[in-house]
N, C-alpha and C. Protein backbone atom coordinates (compact mmCIF):
# COMPACT_ATOMS: atom_id res chain seq x y z
N MET A 1 -30.34 -4.75 28.52
CA MET A 1 -29.01 -4.29 28.11
C MET A 1 -29.04 -4.04 26.60
N SER A 2 -28.61 -2.86 26.19
CA SER A 2 -28.64 -2.52 24.77
C SER A 2 -27.36 -2.98 24.08
N SER A 3 -27.50 -3.27 22.80
CA SER A 3 -26.32 -3.70 22.04
C SER A 3 -25.58 -2.47 21.52
N PRO A 4 -24.29 -2.64 21.23
CA PRO A 4 -23.52 -1.50 20.74
C PRO A 4 -24.05 -1.00 19.39
N SER A 5 -23.86 0.28 19.13
CA SER A 5 -24.30 0.86 17.87
C SER A 5 -23.52 0.23 16.71
N PRO A 6 -24.07 0.31 15.49
CA PRO A 6 -23.34 -0.24 14.33
C PRO A 6 -21.96 0.38 14.16
N GLY A 7 -21.84 1.70 14.42
CA GLY A 7 -20.54 2.36 14.32
C GLY A 7 -19.55 1.81 15.32
N LYS A 8 -20.00 1.59 16.56
CA LYS A 8 -19.13 1.04 17.61
C LYS A 8 -18.69 -0.38 17.25
N ARG A 9 -19.62 -1.17 16.73
CA ARG A 9 -19.26 -2.53 16.31
C ARG A 9 -18.23 -2.49 15.20
N ARG A 10 -18.40 -1.57 14.27
CA ARG A 10 -17.46 -1.47 13.15
C ARG A 10 -16.08 -1.05 13.65
N ILE A 11 -16.03 -0.11 14.58
CA ILE A 11 -14.74 0.29 15.17
C ILE A 11 -14.09 -0.92 15.82
N ASP A 12 -14.84 -1.63 16.64
CA ASP A 12 -14.31 -2.82 17.31
C ASP A 12 -13.77 -3.83 16.29
N THR A 13 -14.55 -4.08 15.25
CA THR A 13 -14.17 -5.06 14.22
C THR A 13 -12.90 -4.63 13.49
N ASP A 14 -12.84 -3.37 13.07
CA ASP A 14 -11.69 -2.89 12.31
C ASP A 14 -10.42 -2.86 13.16
N VAL A 15 -10.52 -2.42 14.40
CA VAL A 15 -9.35 -2.38 15.27
C VAL A 15 -8.88 -3.80 15.57
N LEU A 16 -9.82 -4.70 15.84
CA LEU A 16 -9.46 -6.10 16.10
C LEU A 16 -8.78 -6.71 14.88
N LYS A 17 -9.27 -6.40 13.70
CA LYS A 17 -8.67 -6.89 12.46
C LYS A 17 -7.21 -6.43 12.35
N LEU A 18 -6.94 -5.18 12.71
CA LEU A 18 -5.56 -4.67 12.70
C LEU A 18 -4.70 -5.40 13.73
N ILE A 19 -5.25 -5.57 14.93
CA ILE A 19 -4.51 -6.23 16.01
C ILE A 19 -4.16 -7.67 15.62
N GLU A 20 -5.08 -8.35 14.96
CA GLU A 20 -4.85 -9.75 14.57
C GLU A 20 -3.98 -9.87 13.33
N SER A 21 -3.73 -8.78 12.64
CA SER A 21 -2.89 -8.82 11.45
C SER A 21 -1.44 -8.64 11.85
N LYS A 22 -0.63 -8.25 10.90
CA LYS A 22 0.81 -8.10 11.15
C LYS A 22 1.17 -6.80 11.85
N TYR A 23 0.19 -6.00 12.21
CA TYR A 23 0.47 -4.69 12.78
C TYR A 23 0.44 -4.71 14.30
N GLU A 24 1.39 -3.99 14.87
CA GLU A 24 1.43 -3.80 16.32
C GLU A 24 0.56 -2.57 16.62
N VAL A 25 -0.45 -2.75 17.45
CA VAL A 25 -1.41 -1.69 17.77
C VAL A 25 -1.37 -1.43 19.27
N HIS A 26 -1.30 -0.15 19.65
CA HIS A 26 -1.31 0.23 21.06
C HIS A 26 -2.46 1.19 21.31
N ILE A 27 -3.41 0.74 22.12
CA ILE A 27 -4.58 1.54 22.46
C ILE A 27 -4.14 2.63 23.45
N LEU A 28 -4.59 3.87 23.22
CA LEU A 28 -4.21 4.99 24.08
C LEU A 28 -5.34 5.37 25.02
N ASN A 29 -6.36 6.02 24.49
CA ASN A 29 -7.47 6.51 25.31
C ASN A 29 -8.78 5.90 24.86
N GLY A 30 -8.83 4.60 24.79
CA GLY A 30 -10.02 3.91 24.31
C GLY A 30 -9.79 3.36 22.92
N ILE A 31 -10.70 2.53 22.49
CA ILE A 31 -10.56 1.79 21.24
C ILE A 31 -10.50 2.69 20.01
N ASN A 32 -10.94 3.94 20.14
CA ASN A 32 -10.92 4.82 18.96
C ASN A 32 -9.69 5.73 18.92
N ASP A 33 -8.74 5.53 19.82
CA ASP A 33 -7.53 6.35 19.88
C ASP A 33 -6.34 5.43 20.12
N PHE A 34 -5.51 5.26 19.10
CA PHE A 34 -4.40 4.30 19.21
C PHE A 34 -3.31 4.67 18.21
N TRP A 35 -2.18 3.97 18.33
CA TRP A 35 -1.15 4.10 17.32
C TRP A 35 -0.79 2.73 16.78
N VAL A 36 -0.28 2.74 15.55
CA VAL A 36 0.06 1.51 14.84
C VAL A 36 1.53 1.59 14.43
N LYS A 37 2.25 0.50 14.61
CA LYS A 37 3.64 0.42 14.15
C LYS A 37 3.60 0.14 12.65
N PHE A 38 4.17 1.06 11.88
CA PHE A 38 4.11 0.98 10.42
C PHE A 38 5.52 0.95 9.85
N HIS A 39 5.79 -0.03 9.00
CA HIS A 39 7.10 -0.19 8.37
C HIS A 39 7.06 0.42 6.97
N GLY A 40 8.15 1.12 6.61
CA GLY A 40 8.26 1.68 5.27
C GLY A 40 8.22 0.57 4.23
N PRO A 41 7.51 0.80 3.13
CA PRO A 41 7.38 -0.24 2.11
C PRO A 41 8.70 -0.55 1.41
N SER A 42 8.90 -1.84 1.11
CA SER A 42 10.13 -2.23 0.42
C SER A 42 10.13 -1.65 -0.99
N GLY A 43 11.33 -1.41 -1.48
CA GLY A 43 11.49 -0.84 -2.81
C GLY A 43 11.31 0.66 -2.86
N THR A 44 11.18 1.30 -1.69
CA THR A 44 11.05 2.76 -1.62
C THR A 44 12.19 3.30 -0.76
N PRO A 45 12.44 4.60 -0.80
CA PRO A 45 13.49 5.15 0.08
C PRO A 45 13.11 5.05 1.56
N TYR A 46 11.86 4.70 1.85
CA TYR A 46 11.39 4.58 3.23
C TYR A 46 11.59 3.17 3.78
N GLU A 47 12.06 2.26 2.93
CA GLU A 47 12.28 0.87 3.35
C GLU A 47 13.24 0.84 4.53
N GLY A 48 12.91 0.05 5.53
CA GLY A 48 13.73 -0.04 6.73
C GLY A 48 13.31 0.92 7.82
N GLY A 49 12.48 1.89 7.48
CA GLY A 49 11.99 2.83 8.48
C GLY A 49 10.81 2.27 9.25
N VAL A 50 10.67 2.73 10.49
CA VAL A 50 9.57 2.29 11.35
C VAL A 50 8.93 3.55 11.96
N TRP A 51 7.62 3.66 11.81
CA TRP A 51 6.91 4.83 12.31
C TRP A 51 5.76 4.44 13.20
N LYS A 52 5.46 5.31 14.15
CA LYS A 52 4.24 5.22 14.92
C LYS A 52 3.24 6.12 14.20
N VAL A 53 2.12 5.54 13.78
CA VAL A 53 1.09 6.31 13.12
C VAL A 53 -0.10 6.41 14.07
N HIS A 54 -0.40 7.62 14.48
CA HIS A 54 -1.51 7.86 15.40
C HIS A 54 -2.82 7.82 14.62
N VAL A 55 -3.80 7.11 15.16
CA VAL A 55 -5.12 6.99 14.53
C VAL A 55 -6.17 7.43 15.54
N LEU A 56 -7.03 8.31 15.10
CA LEU A 56 -8.15 8.76 15.93
C LEU A 56 -9.42 8.56 15.11
N LEU A 57 -10.30 7.70 15.61
CA LEU A 57 -11.53 7.39 14.89
C LEU A 57 -12.67 8.26 15.41
N PRO A 58 -13.35 8.97 14.52
CA PRO A 58 -14.49 9.78 14.95
C PRO A 58 -15.67 8.89 15.32
N GLU A 59 -16.60 9.43 16.08
CA GLU A 59 -17.79 8.65 16.46
C GLU A 59 -18.56 8.17 15.25
N SER A 60 -18.52 8.93 14.17
CA SER A 60 -19.27 8.56 12.96
C SER A 60 -18.48 7.65 12.01
N TYR A 61 -17.33 7.11 12.47
CA TYR A 61 -16.59 6.13 11.68
C TYR A 61 -17.49 4.91 11.47
N PRO A 62 -17.55 4.33 10.33
CA PRO A 62 -16.73 4.44 9.13
C PRO A 62 -17.26 5.43 8.10
N PHE A 63 -18.32 6.15 8.44
CA PHE A 63 -18.88 7.10 7.48
C PHE A 63 -18.06 8.37 7.39
N LYS A 64 -17.28 8.63 8.40
CA LYS A 64 -16.32 9.74 8.39
C LYS A 64 -14.94 9.14 8.54
N SER A 65 -13.98 9.69 7.83
CA SER A 65 -12.63 9.12 7.80
C SER A 65 -11.90 9.30 9.13
N PRO A 66 -10.96 8.40 9.40
CA PRO A 66 -10.13 8.56 10.60
C PRO A 66 -9.12 9.68 10.39
N SER A 67 -8.64 10.23 11.50
CA SER A 67 -7.52 11.17 11.45
C SER A 67 -6.26 10.35 11.67
N ILE A 68 -5.28 10.53 10.81
CA ILE A 68 -4.03 9.80 10.98
C ILE A 68 -2.87 10.78 10.89
N GLY A 69 -1.79 10.46 11.59
CA GLY A 69 -0.60 11.30 11.55
C GLY A 69 0.62 10.52 12.01
N PHE A 70 1.74 10.81 11.37
CA PHE A 70 3.00 10.17 11.74
C PHE A 70 3.51 10.83 13.02
N MET A 71 3.87 10.01 14.00
CA MET A 71 4.32 10.52 15.29
C MET A 71 5.82 10.80 15.31
N ASN A 72 6.59 10.01 14.58
CA ASN A 72 8.00 10.34 14.44
C ASN A 72 8.18 10.95 13.04
N ARG A 73 9.20 11.75 12.92
CA ARG A 73 9.38 12.56 11.70
C ARG A 73 9.54 11.71 10.45
N ILE A 74 9.01 12.26 9.38
CA ILE A 74 9.14 11.63 8.07
C ILE A 74 9.27 12.76 7.05
N TYR A 75 10.13 12.55 6.07
CA TYR A 75 10.36 13.56 5.03
C TYR A 75 9.63 13.10 3.78
N HIS A 76 8.55 13.80 3.45
CA HIS A 76 7.70 13.39 2.33
C HIS A 76 6.91 14.61 1.87
N PRO A 77 6.72 14.78 0.56
CA PRO A 77 5.98 15.95 0.07
C PRO A 77 4.56 16.07 0.62
N ASN A 78 3.90 14.95 0.91
CA ASN A 78 2.50 14.99 1.32
C ASN A 78 2.28 14.78 2.81
N ILE A 79 3.34 14.91 3.59
CA ILE A 79 3.25 14.76 5.04
C ILE A 79 3.95 15.94 5.68
N ASP A 80 3.24 16.64 6.56
CA ASP A 80 3.84 17.76 7.26
C ASP A 80 4.90 17.23 8.21
N GLU A 81 6.13 17.70 8.04
CA GLU A 81 7.25 17.16 8.81
C GLU A 81 7.12 17.39 10.31
N SER A 82 6.61 18.54 10.72
CA SER A 82 6.55 18.83 12.15
C SER A 82 5.32 18.22 12.84
N SER A 83 4.17 18.21 12.18
CA SER A 83 2.96 17.70 12.83
C SER A 83 2.65 16.25 12.49
N GLY A 84 3.17 15.76 11.37
CA GLY A 84 2.88 14.39 10.94
C GLY A 84 1.58 14.26 10.18
N THR A 85 0.90 15.37 9.94
CA THR A 85 -0.37 15.36 9.22
C THR A 85 -0.16 14.82 7.80
N VAL A 86 -1.11 14.00 7.36
CA VAL A 86 -1.02 13.37 6.05
C VAL A 86 -2.03 14.00 5.10
N CYS A 87 -1.56 14.35 3.91
CA CYS A 87 -2.44 14.85 2.86
C CYS A 87 -2.65 13.73 1.85
N LEU A 88 -3.78 13.08 1.95
CA LEU A 88 -4.09 11.94 1.09
C LEU A 88 -5.58 11.97 0.78
N ASP A 89 -5.92 12.24 -0.46
CA ASP A 89 -7.32 12.41 -0.86
C ASP A 89 -8.21 11.25 -0.44
N VAL A 90 -7.71 10.03 -0.59
CA VAL A 90 -8.54 8.86 -0.29
C VAL A 90 -8.94 8.80 1.18
N ILE A 91 -8.15 9.43 2.04
CA ILE A 91 -8.51 9.49 3.46
C ILE A 91 -9.26 10.78 3.75
N ASN A 92 -8.78 11.88 3.22
CA ASN A 92 -9.35 13.18 3.58
C ASN A 92 -10.64 13.53 2.85
N GLN A 93 -10.79 13.17 1.57
CA GLN A 93 -11.95 13.61 0.81
C GLN A 93 -12.75 12.47 0.18
N GLU A 94 -12.09 11.40 -0.22
CA GLU A 94 -12.77 10.35 -0.96
C GLU A 94 -13.10 9.12 -0.11
N TRP A 95 -12.99 9.25 1.17
CA TRP A 95 -13.23 8.13 2.08
C TRP A 95 -14.68 7.66 1.95
N THR A 96 -14.87 6.34 1.95
CA THR A 96 -16.22 5.76 2.00
C THR A 96 -16.23 4.69 3.07
N ALA A 97 -17.41 4.31 3.50
CA ALA A 97 -17.55 3.28 4.53
C ALA A 97 -17.10 1.91 4.02
N LEU A 98 -16.83 1.79 2.73
CA LEU A 98 -16.33 0.53 2.18
C LEU A 98 -14.88 0.28 2.59
N TYR A 99 -14.16 1.36 2.92
CA TYR A 99 -12.77 1.22 3.36
C TYR A 99 -12.75 0.87 4.84
N ASP A 100 -11.63 0.25 5.24
CA ASP A 100 -11.43 0.00 6.66
C ASP A 100 -9.99 0.35 7.02
N LEU A 101 -9.64 0.17 8.27
CA LEU A 101 -8.30 0.56 8.74
C LEU A 101 -7.18 -0.20 8.04
N SER A 102 -7.42 -1.46 7.72
CA SER A 102 -6.37 -2.22 7.05
C SER A 102 -6.05 -1.64 5.68
N ASN A 103 -7.05 -1.04 5.00
CA ASN A 103 -6.78 -0.38 3.72
C ASN A 103 -5.74 0.72 3.88
N ILE A 104 -5.82 1.44 4.99
CA ILE A 104 -4.88 2.54 5.23
C ILE A 104 -3.46 2.01 5.32
N PHE A 105 -3.25 0.95 6.09
CA PHE A 105 -1.90 0.47 6.36
C PHE A 105 -1.38 -0.51 5.32
N GLU A 106 -2.27 -1.18 4.61
CA GLU A 106 -1.82 -2.14 3.60
C GLU A 106 -1.75 -1.54 2.20
N THR A 107 -2.52 -0.48 1.94
CA THR A 107 -2.58 0.07 0.59
C THR A 107 -2.28 1.56 0.55
N PHE A 108 -3.09 2.38 1.24
CA PHE A 108 -3.01 3.83 1.08
C PHE A 108 -1.67 4.41 1.48
N LEU A 109 -1.20 4.11 2.70
CA LEU A 109 0.09 4.68 3.14
C LEU A 109 1.26 4.12 2.33
N PRO A 110 1.33 2.80 2.06
CA PRO A 110 2.43 2.31 1.22
C PRO A 110 2.45 2.97 -0.16
N GLN A 111 1.27 3.17 -0.77
CA GLN A 111 1.23 3.82 -2.08
C GLN A 111 1.66 5.28 -1.98
N LEU A 112 1.25 5.95 -0.91
CA LEU A 112 1.65 7.34 -0.73
C LEU A 112 3.16 7.46 -0.62
N LEU A 113 3.80 6.56 0.12
CA LEU A 113 5.25 6.62 0.27
C LEU A 113 5.96 6.23 -1.02
N ALA A 114 5.38 5.31 -1.78
CA ALA A 114 5.99 4.89 -3.04
C ALA A 114 5.80 5.92 -4.16
N TYR A 115 4.66 6.62 -4.14
CA TYR A 115 4.33 7.54 -5.22
C TYR A 115 3.86 8.89 -4.66
N PRO A 116 4.79 9.71 -4.17
CA PRO A 116 4.41 11.02 -3.64
C PRO A 116 3.76 11.88 -4.72
N ASN A 117 2.84 12.74 -4.29
CA ASN A 117 2.16 13.67 -5.20
C ASN A 117 2.71 15.07 -4.93
N SER A 118 3.71 15.44 -5.68
CA SER A 118 4.37 16.74 -5.45
C SER A 118 3.52 17.93 -5.87
N SER A 119 2.42 17.68 -6.58
CA SER A 119 1.58 18.80 -7.00
C SER A 119 0.61 19.25 -5.89
N ASP A 120 0.54 18.49 -4.79
CA ASP A 120 -0.34 18.84 -3.67
C ASP A 120 0.42 18.68 -2.35
N PRO A 121 1.48 19.49 -2.15
CA PRO A 121 2.37 19.25 -1.01
C PRO A 121 1.91 19.86 0.31
N LEU A 122 2.30 19.20 1.37
CA LEU A 122 2.27 19.77 2.71
C LEU A 122 3.68 20.20 3.10
N ASN A 123 4.67 19.55 2.51
CA ASN A 123 6.07 19.89 2.73
C ASN A 123 6.62 20.38 1.38
N THR A 124 6.61 21.70 1.21
CA THR A 124 7.01 22.27 -0.09
C THR A 124 8.48 22.04 -0.41
N GLU A 125 9.33 22.03 0.61
CA GLU A 125 10.75 21.76 0.37
C GLU A 125 10.93 20.36 -0.20
N ALA A 126 10.28 19.37 0.41
CA ALA A 126 10.38 17.99 -0.07
C ALA A 126 9.82 17.88 -1.48
N SER A 127 8.74 18.58 -1.74
CA SER A 127 8.13 18.56 -3.06
C SER A 127 9.08 19.11 -4.12
N ARG A 128 9.68 20.25 -3.83
CA ARG A 128 10.63 20.86 -4.79
C ARG A 128 11.83 19.95 -5.03
N LEU A 129 12.37 19.38 -3.96
CA LEU A 129 13.52 18.48 -4.13
C LEU A 129 13.13 17.26 -4.94
N GLN A 130 11.98 16.68 -4.64
CA GLN A 130 11.57 15.47 -5.36
C GLN A 130 11.40 15.75 -6.85
N MET A 131 10.85 16.91 -7.19
CA MET A 131 10.62 17.24 -8.60
C MET A 131 11.90 17.68 -9.33
N HIS A 132 12.75 18.47 -8.66
CA HIS A 132 13.87 19.09 -9.35
C HIS A 132 15.24 18.50 -9.04
N LYS A 133 15.38 17.91 -7.86
CA LYS A 133 16.66 17.32 -7.46
C LYS A 133 16.39 15.98 -6.78
N PRO A 134 15.95 14.98 -7.56
CA PRO A 134 15.54 13.70 -6.96
C PRO A 134 16.61 13.02 -6.12
N GLU A 135 17.88 13.15 -6.52
CA GLU A 135 18.95 12.52 -5.75
C GLU A 135 19.06 13.14 -4.35
N GLU A 136 18.96 14.47 -4.28
CA GLU A 136 18.98 15.15 -2.98
C GLU A 136 17.76 14.75 -2.14
N TYR A 137 16.62 14.61 -2.80
CA TYR A 137 15.40 14.18 -2.11
C TYR A 137 15.61 12.81 -1.47
N PHE A 138 16.10 11.85 -2.26
CA PHE A 138 16.33 10.50 -1.72
C PHE A 138 17.34 10.52 -0.59
N ASN A 139 18.38 11.33 -0.71
CA ASN A 139 19.37 11.44 0.37
C ASN A 139 18.73 11.98 1.64
N LYS A 140 17.89 13.00 1.51
CA LYS A 140 17.22 13.60 2.67
C LYS A 140 16.26 12.60 3.31
N VAL A 141 15.53 11.85 2.48
CA VAL A 141 14.63 10.80 3.00
C VAL A 141 15.45 9.78 3.79
N ASN A 142 16.57 9.34 3.20
CA ASN A 142 17.41 8.35 3.88
C ASN A 142 17.95 8.87 5.20
N GLU A 143 18.36 10.15 5.23
CA GLU A 143 18.83 10.75 6.48
C GLU A 143 17.73 10.71 7.55
N HIS A 144 16.52 11.10 7.15
CA HIS A 144 15.39 11.11 8.09
C HIS A 144 15.06 9.70 8.59
N VAL A 145 15.10 8.73 7.68
CA VAL A 145 14.81 7.35 8.08
C VAL A 145 15.83 6.90 9.12
N LYS A 146 17.11 7.16 8.87
CA LYS A 146 18.16 6.74 9.81
C LYS A 146 18.04 7.47 11.15
N LYS A 147 17.72 8.76 11.09
CA LYS A 147 17.70 9.56 12.31
C LYS A 147 16.41 9.41 13.11
N TYR A 148 15.26 9.37 12.43
CA TYR A 148 13.97 9.42 13.12
C TYR A 148 13.14 8.14 13.03
N ALA A 149 13.52 7.21 12.14
CA ALA A 149 12.66 6.04 11.95
C ALA A 149 13.41 4.72 12.07
N SER A 150 14.54 4.74 12.75
CA SER A 150 15.22 3.49 13.06
C SER A 150 14.45 2.82 14.20
N GLU A 151 14.73 1.56 14.45
CA GLU A 151 14.07 0.88 15.58
C GLU A 151 14.34 1.62 16.89
N GLU A 152 15.58 2.09 17.05
CA GLU A 152 15.95 2.82 18.27
C GLU A 152 15.15 4.12 18.39
N ALA A 153 15.08 4.87 17.30
CA ALA A 153 14.31 6.12 17.32
C ALA A 153 12.83 5.83 17.54
N PHE A 154 12.35 4.74 16.95
CA PHE A 154 10.95 4.35 17.12
C PHE A 154 10.62 4.12 18.59
N ARG A 155 11.48 3.38 19.27
CA ARG A 155 11.23 3.09 20.69
C ARG A 155 11.25 4.37 21.52
N GLY A 156 11.99 5.38 21.06
CA GLY A 156 12.09 6.62 21.80
C GLY A 156 10.97 7.61 21.50
N THR A 157 10.13 7.32 20.49
CA THR A 157 9.04 8.24 20.13
C THR A 157 7.97 8.15 21.20
N ASP A 158 7.72 9.24 21.85
CA ASP A 158 6.75 9.29 22.93
C ASP A 158 5.43 9.86 22.43
N VAL A 159 4.37 9.16 22.73
CA VAL A 159 3.03 9.60 22.30
C VAL A 159 2.74 10.99 22.82
N ARG A 160 3.06 11.25 24.07
CA ARG A 160 2.76 12.57 24.64
C ARG A 160 3.51 13.67 23.90
N SER A 161 4.73 13.40 23.47
CA SER A 161 5.48 14.43 22.77
C SER A 161 4.83 14.76 21.42
N TYR A 162 4.20 13.78 20.80
CA TYR A 162 3.52 14.02 19.54
C TYR A 162 2.25 14.83 19.76
N ILE A 163 1.47 14.43 20.73
CA ILE A 163 0.18 15.07 20.97
C ILE A 163 0.36 16.48 21.52
N ASN A 164 1.38 16.69 22.35
CA ASN A 164 1.58 17.99 23.00
C ASN A 164 2.85 18.67 22.53
N ALA A 165 3.24 18.48 21.27
CA ALA A 165 4.51 18.99 20.77
C ALA A 165 4.66 20.49 20.98
N ASP A 166 3.63 21.24 20.66
CA ASP A 166 3.74 22.69 20.80
C ASP A 166 3.89 23.12 22.25
N GLU A 167 3.12 22.51 23.14
CA GLU A 167 3.19 22.85 24.56
C GLU A 167 4.56 22.54 25.12
N GLU A 168 5.09 21.35 24.75
CA GLU A 168 6.37 20.94 25.29
C GLU A 168 7.50 21.81 24.78
N SER A 169 7.45 22.18 23.49
CA SER A 169 8.55 22.99 22.96
C SER A 169 8.59 24.36 23.64
N SER A 170 7.43 24.94 23.92
CA SER A 170 7.44 26.23 24.61
C SER A 170 7.89 26.05 26.06
N SER A 171 7.51 24.96 26.69
CA SER A 171 7.94 24.70 28.07
C SER A 171 9.44 24.47 28.14
N GLU A 172 9.98 23.70 27.16
CA GLU A 172 11.41 23.45 27.13
C GLU A 172 12.17 24.75 26.94
N SER A 173 11.65 25.61 26.08
CA SER A 173 12.30 26.89 25.83
C SER A 173 12.31 27.72 27.12
N GLU A 174 11.18 27.73 27.85
CA GLU A 174 11.11 28.46 29.11
C GLU A 174 12.07 27.87 30.12
N LEU A 175 12.15 26.52 30.19
CA LEU A 175 13.07 25.86 31.12
C LEU A 175 14.51 26.20 30.77
N SER A 176 14.82 26.21 29.48
CA SER A 176 16.16 26.55 29.04
C SER A 176 16.52 27.97 29.47
N ASP A 177 15.58 28.90 29.27
CA ASP A 177 15.82 30.28 29.68
C ASP A 177 16.04 30.38 31.18
N LEU A 178 15.24 29.64 31.95
CA LEU A 178 15.39 29.66 33.40
C LEU A 178 16.74 29.09 33.82
N SER A 179 17.15 27.99 33.17
CA SER A 179 18.43 27.38 33.50
C SER A 179 19.58 28.35 33.26
N GLU A 180 19.52 29.09 32.14
CA GLU A 180 20.57 30.05 31.83
C GLU A 180 20.59 31.16 32.89
N GLU A 181 19.42 31.61 33.33
CA GLU A 181 19.36 32.65 34.36
C GLU A 181 19.94 32.14 35.66
N ASP A 182 19.61 30.88 36.03
CA ASP A 182 20.14 30.29 37.26
C ASP A 182 21.66 30.20 37.21
N GLU A 183 22.20 29.77 36.03
CA GLU A 183 23.65 29.66 35.89
C GLU A 183 24.30 31.03 36.05
N ALA A 184 23.68 32.05 35.46
CA ALA A 184 24.25 33.41 35.55
C ALA A 184 24.24 33.87 37.02
N GLN A 185 23.15 33.59 37.74
CA GLN A 185 23.06 33.98 39.16
C GLN A 185 24.11 33.23 39.97
N ASP A 186 24.31 31.94 39.67
CA ASP A 186 25.31 31.15 40.40
C ASP A 186 26.70 31.72 40.19
N MET A 187 26.99 32.17 38.97
CA MET A 187 28.31 32.73 38.68
C MET A 187 28.53 34.03 39.45
N GLU A 188 27.47 34.81 39.62
CA GLU A 188 27.59 36.08 40.34
C GLU A 188 27.87 35.84 41.81
N LEU A 189 27.38 34.75 42.38
CA LEU A 189 27.59 34.45 43.78
C LEU A 189 29.01 34.01 43.97
């Protein structure tokens, strides 16, 4: 019987470390595909918010960075509002095998939420508001936290809706069109 590869052992170790810490972790399609319950850092406009952060570990982890994305909406200059994609150099370009998953949730994401980088935005509207109208930016963040990142909204965030958002939106649109046609036909009868 062969022993697991060093990469597999590292994945197991890092995920177990997250599970044993203060984070709620839900495995989806194996140990390298899961989501983590992440709370907005105190002292930021994201305080009180709760997000599901999807994590996908590549086979070459920890030598290649994980893919992470917010599953419920968040308003932030460096996070794409519709896809949840995160623009963070330390994860995307400067990742080293010295980092582990706990670094992401204990340091990198809290710092990103506390100190947005408006010069490298994924959400240009949020970036412009943060730089030029900070009060409006904070109000918009607070609205998003209340609407999309409350405990109630968190419980309603479905993994499938995040992963298949584009497919579902087109299907819903088609279903809506069909429903309207059915109603029109019913009225004619």
